[in-house]
Amino acid sequence: MREDIVALKKDIKELKNQSFALEILGDYKKQNKRLFVIWITTFIAFILLLGYVLFLLNDISIVESSNIDIQDVNSIDNSHIKIGDDLWEK
């Protein structure tokens, strides 16, 4: 009878150890799931940021330039015109 009680106590200890191992495994699975969701969220945010930067680069490159034609530059006092490295002064 004592041997049966000792054997039952050993079985109970083994069950506790197994349940502790299963509990750790369950916590590990939850942590992995949480980290996967964080990774997916970060990846989606990165893709959206990359798309926005590309949109801005394409939007900025479409800048309209306007030319102003000035007639009789020689008759304007204190006029300075720079074309490349050349500077024309009056």
PDB file of N, CA and C in Angstrom:
ATOM      1  N   MET A   1       0.817  -1.189   0.000  1.00  0.00           N
ATOM      2  CA  MET A   1       0.000   0.000   0.000  1.00  0.00           C
ATOM      3  C   MET A   1       0.866   1.259   0.000  1.00  0.00           C
ATOM      4  N   ARG A   2       1.937   1.218   0.795  1.00  0.00           N
ATOM      5  CA  ARG A   2       2.830   2.365   0.819  1.00  0.00           C
ATOM      6  C   ARG A   2       3.482   2.560  -0.549  1.00  0.00           C
ATOM      7  N   GLU A   3       3.828   1.494  -1.163  1.00  0.00           N
ATOM      8  CA  GLU A   3       4.461   1.577  -2.479  1.00  0.00           C
ATOM      9  C   GLU A   3       3.510   2.208  -3.495  1.00  0.00           C
ATOM     10  N   ASP A   4       2.253   1.880  -3.361  1.00  0.00           N
ATOM     11  CA  ASP A   4       1.257   2.490  -4.260  1.00  0.00           C
ATOM     12  C   ASP A   4       1.155   3.992  -4.016  1.00  0.00           C
ATOM     13  N   ILE A   5       1.190   4.386  -2.747  1.00  0.00           N
ATOM     14  CA  ILE A   5       1.103   5.822  -2.419  1.00  0.00           C
ATOM     15  C   ILE A   5       2.332   6.552  -2.935  1.00  0.00           C
ATOM     16  N   VAL A   6       3.496   5.963  -2.769  1.00  0.00           N
ATOM     17  CA  VAL A   6       4.734   6.571  -3.269  1.00  0.00           C
ATOM     18  C   VAL A   6       4.684   6.661  -4.793  1.00  0.00           C
ATOM     19  N   ALA A   7       4.196   5.607  -5.440  1.00  0.00           N
ATOM     20  CA  ALA A   7       4.085   5.617  -6.897  1.00  0.00           C
ATOM     21  C   ALA A   7       3.100   6.684  -7.364  1.00  0.00           C
ATOM     22  N   LEU A   8       1.993   6.838  -6.642  1.00  0.00           N
ATOM     23  CA  LEU A   8       1.013   7.879  -6.989  1.00  0.00           C
ATOM     24  C   LEU A   8       1.605   9.264  -6.802  1.00  0.00           C
ATOM     25  N   LYS A   9       2.398   9.463  -5.744  1.00  0.00           N
ATOM     26  CA  LYS A   9       3.044  10.764  -5.530  1.00  0.00           C
ATOM     27  C   LYS A   9       4.018  11.076  -6.667  1.00  0.00           C
ATOM     28  N   LYS A  10       4.756  10.058  -7.106  1.00  0.00           N
ATOM     29  CA  LYS A  10       5.674  10.251  -8.226  1.00  0.00           C
ATOM     30  C   LYS A  10       4.908  10.602  -9.502  1.00  0.00           C
ATOM     31  N   ASP A  11       3.779   9.920  -9.705  1.00  0.00           N
ATOM     32  CA  ASP A  11       2.953  10.220 -10.880  1.00  0.00           C
ATOM     33  C   ASP A  11       2.407  11.642 -10.825  1.00  0.00           C
ATOM     34  N   ILE A  12       2.012  12.080  -9.632  1.00  0.00           N
ATOM     35  CA  ILE A  12       1.491  13.442  -9.464  1.00  0.00           C
ATOM     36  C   ILE A  12       2.591  14.458  -9.765  1.00  0.00           C
ATOM     37  N   LYS A  13       3.816  14.196  -9.285  1.00  0.00           N
ATOM     38  CA  LYS A  13       4.932  15.104  -9.562  1.00  0.00           C
ATOM     39  C   LYS A  13       5.217  15.165 -11.063  1.00  0.00           C
ATOM     40  N   GLU A  14       5.182  14.024 -11.744  1.00  0.00           N
ATOM     41  CA  GLU A  14       5.403  14.001 -13.187  1.00  0.00           C
ATOM     42  C   GLU A  14       4.313  14.777 -13.925  1.00  0.00           C
ATOM     43  N   LEU A  15       3.069  14.636 -13.471  1.00  0.00           N
ATOM     44  CA  LEU A  15       1.970  15.380 -14.094  1.00  0.00           C
ATOM     45  C   LEU A  15       2.153  16.880 -13.885  1.00  0.00           C
ATOM     46  N   LYS A  16       2.608  17.271 -12.677  1.00  0.00           N
ATOM     47  CA  LYS A  16       2.849  18.693 -12.429  1.00  0.00           C
ATOM     48  C   LYS A  16       3.961  19.210 -13.327  1.00  0.00           C
ATOM     49  N   ASN A  17       5.019  18.411 -13.483  1.00  0.00           N
ATOM     50  CA  ASN A  17       6.122  18.819 -14.361  1.00  0.00           C
ATOM     51  C   ASN A  17       5.653  18.927 -15.803  1.00  0.00           C
ATOM     52  N   GLN A  18       4.850  17.988 -16.239  1.00  0.00           N
ATOM     53  CA  GLN A  18       4.336  18.038 -17.605  1.00  0.00           C
ATOM     54  C   GLN A  18       3.416  19.234 -17.778  1.00  0.00           C
ATOM     55  N   SER A  19       2.592  19.515 -16.806  1.00  0.00           N
ATOM     56  CA  SER A  19       1.692  20.651 -16.944  1.00  0.00           C
ATOM     57  C   SER A  19       2.478  21.963 -16.918  1.00  0.00           C
ATOM     58  N   PHE A  20       3.567  21.998 -16.135  1.00  0.00           N
ATOM     59  CA  PHE A  20       4.415  23.193 -16.130  1.00  0.00           C
ATOM     60  C   PHE A  20       5.082  23.373 -17.495  1.00  0.00           C
ATOM     61  N   ALA A  21       5.540  22.273 -18.072  1.00  0.00           N
ATOM     62  CA  ALA A  21       6.152  22.340 -19.405  1.00  0.00           C
ATOM     63  C   ALA A  21       5.121  22.779 -20.443  1.00  0.00           C
ATOM     64  N   LEU A  22       3.906  22.262 -20.331  1.00  0.00           N
ATOM     65  CA  LEU A  22       2.860  22.670 -21.272  1.00  0.00           C
ATOM     66  C   LEU A  22       2.487  24.139 -21.073  1.00  0.00           C
ATOM     67  N   GLU A  23       2.529  24.587 -19.835  1.00  0.00           N
ATOM     68  CA  GLU A  23       2.238  25.999 -19.564  1.00  0.00           C
ATOM     69  C   GLU A  23       3.309  26.890 -20.182  1.00  0.00           C
ATOM     70  N   ILE A  24       4.561  26.498 -20.045  1.00  0.00           N
ATOM     71  CA  ILE A  24       5.655  27.257 -20.669  1.00  0.00           C
ATOM     72  C   ILE A  24       5.504  27.247 -22.189  1.00  0.00           C
ATOM     73  N   LEU A  25       5.151  26.101 -22.730  1.00  0.00           N
ATOM     74  CA  LEU A  25       4.947  26.002 -24.174  1.00  0.00           C
ATOM     75  C   LEU A  25       3.800  26.910 -24.625  1.00  0.00           C
ATOM     76  N   GLY A  26       2.734  26.957 -23.855  1.00  0.00           N
ATOM     77  CA  GLY A  26       1.611  27.840 -24.187  1.00  0.00           C
ATOM     78  C   GLY A  26       2.013  29.304 -24.152  1.00  0.00           C
ATOM     79  N   ASP A  27       2.800  29.679 -23.121  1.00  0.00           N
ATOM     80  CA  ASP A  27       3.288  31.055 -23.042  1.00  0.00           C
ATOM     81  C   ASP A  27       4.203  31.385 -24.222  1.00  0.00           C
ATOM     82  N   TYR A  28       5.010  30.414 -24.611  1.00  0.00           N
ATOM     83  CA  TYR A  28       5.917  30.603 -25.740  1.00  0.00           C
ATOM     84  C   TYR A  28       5.138  30.825 -27.031  1.00  0.00           C
ATOM     85  N   LYS A  29       4.073  30.074 -27.204  1.00  0.00           N
ATOM     86  CA  LYS A  29       3.238  30.237 -28.400  1.00  0.00           C
ATOM     87  C   LYS A  29       2.575  31.617 -28.417  1.00  0.00           C
ATOM     88  N   LYS A  30       2.084  32.069 -27.248  1.00  0.00           N
ATOM     89  CA  LYS A  30       1.468  33.400 -27.173  1.00  0.00           C
ATOM     90  C   LYS A  30       2.479  34.488 -27.507  1.00  0.00           C
ATOM     91  N   GLN A  31       3.692  34.340 -26.984  1.00  0.00           N
ATOM     92  CA  GLN A  31       4.726  35.332 -27.242  1.00  0.00           C
ATOM     93  C   GLN A  31       5.089  35.357 -28.730  1.00  0.00           C
ATOM     94  N   ASN A  32       5.206  34.193 -29.340  1.00  0.00           N
ATOM     95  CA  ASN A  32       5.515  34.142 -30.776  1.00  0.00           C
ATOM     96  C   ASN A  32       4.409  34.783 -31.606  1.00  0.00           C
ATOM     97  N   LYS A  33       3.175  34.545 -31.227  1.00  0.00           N
ATOM     98  CA  LYS A  33       2.050  35.138 -31.949  1.00  0.00           C
ATOM     99  C   LYS A  33       2.076  36.658 -31.814  1.00  0.00           C
ATOM    100  N   ARG A  34       2.361  37.143 -30.608  1.00  0.00           N
ATOM    101  CA  ARG A  34       2.432  38.574 -30.356  1.00  0.00           C
ATOM    102  C   ARG A  34       3.553  39.208 -31.169  1.00  0.00           C
ATOM    103  N   LEU A  35       4.720  38.570 -31.188  1.00  0.00           N
ATOM    104  CA  LEU A  35       5.839  39.104 -31.952  1.00  0.00           C
ATOM    105  C   LEU A  35       5.556  39.081 -33.456  1.00  0.00           C
ATOM    106  N   PHE A  36       4.843  38.077 -33.929  1.00  0.00           N
ATOM    107  CA  PHE A  36       4.485  38.013 -35.348  1.00  0.00           C
ATOM    108  C   PHE A  36       3.552  39.158 -35.716  1.00  0.00           C
ATOM    109  N   VAL A  37       2.586  39.443 -34.863  1.00  0.00           N
ATOM    110  CA  VAL A  37       1.662  40.554 -35.124  1.00  0.00           C
ATOM    111  C   VAL A  37       2.423  41.878 -35.115  1.00  0.00           C
ATOM    112  N   ILE A  38       3.362  42.035 -34.189  1.00  0.00           N
ATOM    113  CA  ILE A  38       4.167  43.262 -34.151  1.00  0.00           C
ATOM    114  C   ILE A  38       5.009  43.372 -35.415  1.00  0.00           C
ATOM    115  N   TRP A  39       5.592  42.261 -35.862  1.00  0.00           N
ATOM    116  CA  TRP A  39       6.406  42.279 -37.071  1.00  0.00           C
ATOM    117  C   TRP A  39       5.565  42.639 -38.299  1.00  0.00           C
ATOM    118  N   ILE A  40       4.397  42.047 -38.415  1.00  0.00           N
ATOM    119  CA  ILE A  40       3.515  42.342 -39.556  1.00  0.00           C
ATOM    120  C   ILE A  40       3.118  43.815 -39.543  1.00  0.00           C
ATOM    121  N   THR A  41       2.782  44.341 -38.369  1.00  0.00           N
ATOM    122  CA  THR A  41       2.396  45.752 -38.254  1.00  0.00           C
ATOM    123  C   THR A  41       3.548  46.660 -38.673  1.00  0.00           C
ATOM    124  N   THR A  42       4.749  46.353 -38.209  1.00  0.00           N
ATOM    125  CA  THR A  42       5.921  47.156 -38.564  1.00  0.00           C
ATOM    126  C   THR A  42       6.208  47.066 -40.062  1.00  0.00           C
ATOM    127  N   PHE A  43       6.088  45.888 -40.629  1.00  0.00           N
ATOM    128  CA  PHE A  43       6.328  45.706 -42.064  1.00  0.00           C
ATOM    129  C   PHE A  43       5.320  46.498 -42.894  1.00  0.00           C
ATOM    130  N   ILE A  44       4.058  46.461 -42.519  1.00  0.00           N
ATOM    131  CA  ILE A  44       3.026  47.219 -43.242  1.00  0.00           C
ATOM    132  C   ILE A  44       3.294  48.709 -43.122  1.00  0.00           C
ATOM    133  N   ALA A  45       3.691  49.168 -41.923  1.00  0.00           N
ATOM    134  CA  ALA A  45       4.011  50.584 -41.745  1.00  0.00           C
ATOM    135  C   ALA A  45       5.196  50.983 -42.621  1.00  0.00           C
ATOM    136  N   PHE A  46       6.193  50.114 -42.728  1.00  0.00           N
ATOM    137  CA  PHE A  46       7.351  50.399 -43.578  1.00  0.00           C
ATOM    138  C   PHE A  46       6.949  50.488 -45.047  1.00  0.00           C
ATOM    139  N   ILE A  47       6.109  49.582 -45.502  1.00  0.00           N
ATOM    140  CA  ILE A  47       5.655  49.593 -46.894  1.00  0.00           C
ATOM    141  C   ILE A  47       4.857  50.875 -47.174  1.00  0.00           C
ATOM    142  N   LEU A  48       3.996  51.263 -46.252  1.00  0.00           N
ATOM    143  CA  LEU A  48       3.228  52.499 -46.428  1.00  0.00           C
ATOM    144  C   LEU A  48       4.144  53.718 -46.454  1.00  0.00           C
ATOM    145  N   LEU A  49       5.148  53.746 -45.586  1.00  0.00           N
ATOM    146  CA  LEU A  49       6.098  54.854 -45.570  1.00  0.00           C
ATOM    147  C   LEU A  49       6.883  54.914 -46.870  1.00  0.00           C
ATOM    148  N   LEU A  50       7.316  53.779 -47.367  1.00  0.00           N
ATOM    149  CA  LEU A  50       8.035  53.729 -48.633  1.00  0.00           C
ATOM    150  C   LEU A  50       7.152  54.227 -49.780  1.00  0.00           C
ATOM    151  N   GLY A  51       5.903  53.817 -49.800  1.00  0.00           N
ATOM    152  CA  GLY A  51       4.981  54.295 -50.826  1.00  0.00           C
ATOM    153  C   GLY A  51       4.769  55.796 -50.760  1.00  0.00           C
ATOM    154  N   TYR A  52       4.666  56.337 -49.533  1.00  0.00           N
ATOM    155  CA  TYR A  52       4.470  57.776 -49.368  1.00  0.00           C
ATOM    156  C   TYR A  52       5.699  58.547 -49.834  1.00  0.00           C
ATOM    157  N   VAL A  53       6.898  58.040 -49.514  1.00  0.00           N
ATOM    158  CA  VAL A  53       8.121  58.711 -49.954  1.00  0.00           C
ATOM    159  C   VAL A  53       8.214  58.697 -51.473  1.00  0.00           C
ATOM    160  N   LEU A  54       7.890  57.573 -52.094  1.00  0.00           N
ATOM    161  CA  LEU A  54       7.905  57.523 -53.562  1.00  0.00           C
ATOM    162  C   LEU A  54       6.873  58.469 -54.163  1.00  0.00           C
ATOM    163  N   PHE A  55       5.720  58.573 -53.524  1.00  0.00           N
ATOM    164  CA  PHE A  55       4.708  59.520 -53.994  1.00  0.00           C
ATOM    165  C   PHE A  55       5.234  60.952 -53.910  1.00  0.00           C
ATOM    166  N   LEU A  56       5.892  61.280 -52.784  1.00  0.00           N
ATOM    167  CA  LEU A  56       6.441  62.629 -52.637  1.00  0.00           C
ATOM    168  C   LEU A  56       7.541  62.895 -53.657  1.00  0.00           C
ATOM    169  N   LEU A  57       8.392  61.907 -53.916  1.00  0.00           N
ATOM    170  CA  LEU A  57       9.452  62.111 -54.908  1.00  0.00           C
ATOM    171  C   LEU A  57       8.868  62.353 -56.290  1.00  0.00           C
ATOM    172  N   ASN A  58       7.825  61.633 -56.642  1.00  0.00           N
ATOM    173  CA  ASN A  58       7.200  61.852 -57.945  1.00  0.00           C
ATOM    174  C   ASN A  58       6.453  63.169 -57.978  1.00  0.00           C
ATOM    175  N   ASP A  59       5.865  63.566 -56.880  1.00  0.00           N
ATOM    176  CA  ASP A  59       5.104  64.806 -56.821  1.00  0.00           C
ATOM    177  C   ASP A  59       6.028  66.014 -56.863  1.00  0.00           C
ATOM    178  N   ILE A  60       7.166  65.937 -56.178  1.00  0.00           N
ATOM    179  CA  ILE A  60       8.091  67.060 -56.148  1.00  0.00           C
ATOM    180  C   ILE A  60       8.752  67.251 -57.500  1.00  0.00           C
ATOM    181  N   SER A  61       8.988  66.177 -58.219  1.00  0.00           N
ATOM    182  CA  SER A  61       9.684  66.300 -59.495  1.00  0.00           C
ATOM    183  C   SER A  61       8.829  66.967 -60.571  1.00  0.00           C
ATOM    184  N   ILE A  62       7.542  67.096 -60.338  1.00  0.00           N
ATOM    185  CA  ILE A  62       6.659  67.735 -61.316  1.00  0.00           C
ATOM    186  C   ILE A  62       6.442  69.190 -60.892  1.00  0.00           C
ATOM    187  N   VAL A  63       7.502  69.943 -60.925  1.00  0.00           N
ATOM    188  CA  VAL A  63       7.437  71.353 -60.560  1.00  0.00           C
ATOM    189  C   VAL A  63       7.455  72.158 -61.848  1.00  0.00           C
ATOM    190  N   GLU A  64       6.494  73.027 -61.971  1.00  0.00           N
ATOM    191  CA  GLU A  64       6.426  73.851 -63.173  1.00  0.00           C
ATOM    192  C   GLU A  64       7.355  75.044 -63.010  1.00  0.00           C
ATOM    193  N   SER A  65       8.118  75.288 -64.019  1.00  0.00           N
ATOM    194  CA  SER A  65       8.982  76.470 -64.002  1.00  0.00           C
ATOM    195  C   SER A  65       8.409  77.495 -64.973  1.00  0.00           C
ATOM    196  N   SER A  66       8.544  78.728 -64.608  1.00  0.00           N
ATOM    197  CA  SER A  66       8.032  79.782 -65.483  1.00  0.00           C
ATOM    198  C   SER A  66       9.182  80.713 -65.849  1.00  0.00           C
ATOM    199  N   ASN A  67       9.171  81.151 -67.052  1.00  0.00           N
ATOM    200  CA  ASN A  67      10.189  82.072 -67.552  1.00  0.00           C
ATOM    201  C   ASN A  67       9.579  83.454 -67.669  1.00  0.00           C
ATOM    202  N   ILE A  68      10.365  84.417 -67.284  1.00  0.00           N
ATOM    203  CA  ILE A  68       9.928  85.806 -67.413  1.00  0.00           C
ATOM    204  C   ILE A  68      10.808  86.449 -68.482  1.00  0.00           C
ATOM    205  N   ASP A  69      10.180  86.927 -69.519  1.00  0.00           N
ATOM    206  CA  ASP A  69      10.918  87.598 -70.588  1.00  0.00           C
ATOM    207  C   ASP A  69      10.899  89.090 -70.316  1.00  0.00           C
ATOM    208  N   ILE A  70      12.094  89.648 -70.213  1.00  0.00           N
ATOM    209  CA  ILE A  70      12.220  91.087 -69.959  1.00  0.00           C
ATOM    210  C   ILE A  70      12.813  91.729 -71.207  1.00  0.00           C
ATOM    211  N   GLN A  71      12.123  92.699 -71.709  1.00  0.00           N
ATOM    212  CA  GLN A  71      12.594  93.417 -72.890  1.00  0.00           C
ATOM    213  C   GLN A  71      13.471  94.584 -72.455  1.00  0.00           C
ATOM    214  N   ASP A  72      14.453  94.883 -73.254  1.00  0.00           N
ATOM    215  CA  ASP A  72      15.336  96.034 -73.044  1.00  0.00           C
ATOM    216  C   ASP A  72      16.024  95.993 -71.676  1.00  0.00           C
ATOM    217  N   VAL A  73      16.762  94.955 -71.437  1.00  0.00           N
ATOM    218  CA  VAL A  73      17.488  94.820 -70.174  1.00  0.00           C
ATOM    219  C   VAL A  73      18.538  95.912 -70.052  1.00  0.00           C
ATOM    220  N   ASN A  74      19.082  96.334 -71.176  1.00  0.00           N
ATOM    221  CA  ASN A  74      20.136  97.357 -71.138  1.00  0.00           C
ATOM    222  C   ASN A  74      19.620  98.692 -70.630  1.00  0.00           C
ATOM    223  N   SER A  75      18.326  98.943 -70.745  1.00  0.00           N
ATOM    224  CA  SER A  75      17.800 100.238 -70.315  1.00  0.00           C
ATOM    225  C   SER A  75      17.391 100.245 -68.843  1.00  0.00           C
ATOM    226  N   ILE A  76      17.419  99.087 -68.151  1.00  0.00           N
ATOM    227  CA  ILE A  76      17.047  99.034 -66.733  1.00  0.00           C
ATOM    228  C   ILE A  76      18.279  99.373 -65.904  1.00  0.00           C
ATOM    229  N   ASP A  77      18.137 100.337 -64.993  1.00  0.00           N
ATOM    230  CA  ASP A  77      19.266 100.738 -64.145  1.00  0.00           C
ATOM    231  C   ASP A  77      19.536  99.664 -63.087  1.00  0.00           C
ATOM    232  N   ASN A  78      20.817  99.474 -62.784  1.00  0.00           N
ATOM    233  CA  ASN A  78      21.280  98.532 -61.760  1.00  0.00           C
ATOM    234  C   ASN A  78      20.747  97.113 -61.997  1.00  0.00           C
ATOM    235  N   SER A  79      20.753  96.655 -63.228  1.00  0.00           N
ATOM    236  CA  SER A  79      20.280  95.304 -63.513  1.00  0.00           C
ATOM    237  C   SER A  79      21.470  94.345 -63.530  1.00  0.00           C
ATOM    238  N   HIS A  80      21.260  93.172 -63.009  1.00  0.00           N
ATOM    239  CA  HIS A  80      22.285  92.120 -62.977  1.00  0.00           C
ATOM    240  C   HIS A  80      21.645  90.853 -63.543  1.00  0.00           C
ATOM    241  N   ILE A  81      22.283  90.266 -64.518  1.00  0.00           N
ATOM    242  CA  ILE A  81      21.779  89.032 -65.114  1.00  0.00           C
ATOM    243  C   ILE A  81      22.889  87.999 -65.025  1.00  0.00           C
ATOM    244  N   LYS A  82      22.569  86.826 -64.494  1.00  0.00           N
ATOM    245  CA  LYS A  82      23.562  85.766 -64.382  1.00  0.00           C
ATOM    246  C   LYS A  82      23.118  84.604 -65.256  1.00  0.00           C
ATOM    247  N   ILE A  83      23.988  84.240 -66.207  1.00  0.00           N
ATOM    248  CA  ILE A  83      23.747  83.099 -67.074  1.00  0.00           C
ATOM    249  C   ILE A  83      24.951  82.177 -66.895  1.00  0.00           C
ATOM    250  N   GLY A  84      24.767  81.094 -66.201  1.00  0.00           N
ATOM    251  CA  GLY A  84      25.882  80.201 -65.911  1.00  0.00           C
ATOM    252  C   GLY A  84      26.866  80.908 -64.996  1.00  0.00           C
ATOM    253  N   ASP A  85      28.122  81.032 -65.455  1.00  0.00           N
ATOM    254  CA  ASP A  85      29.123  81.754 -64.677  1.00  0.00           C
ATOM    255  C   ASP A  85      29.280  83.220 -65.103  1.00  0.00           C
ATOM    256  N   ASP A  86      28.580  83.577 -66.169  1.00  0.00           N
ATOM    257  CA  ASP A  86      28.674  84.942 -66.683  1.00  0.00           C
ATOM    258  C   ASP A  86      27.714  85.855 -65.944  1.00  0.00           C
ATOM    259  N   LEU A  87      28.174  87.032 -65.608  1.00  0.00           N
ATOM    260  CA  LEU A  87      27.343  88.020 -64.924  1.00  0.00           C
ATOM    261  C   LEU A  87      27.318  89.277 -65.778  1.00  0.00           C
ATOM    262  N   TRP A  88      26.140  89.695 -66.182  1.00  0.00           N
ATOM    263  CA  TRP A  88      25.957  90.892 -67.001  1.00  0.00           C
ATOM    264  C   TRP A  88      25.436  91.997 -66.120  1.00  0.00           C
ATOM    265  N   GLU A  89      26.143  93.061 -66.053  1.00  0.00           N
ATOM    266  CA  GLU A  89      25.713  94.176 -65.228  1.00  0.00           C
ATOM    267  C   GLU A  89      25.556  95.422 -66.083  1.00  0.00           C
ATOM    268  N   LYS A  90      24.693  96.297 -65.626  1.00  0.00           N
ATOM    269  CA  LYS A  90      24.510  97.600 -66.300  1.00  0.00           C
ATOM    270  C   LYS A  90      24.780  98.658 -65.297  1.00  0.00           C
TER     271      LYS A  90
END
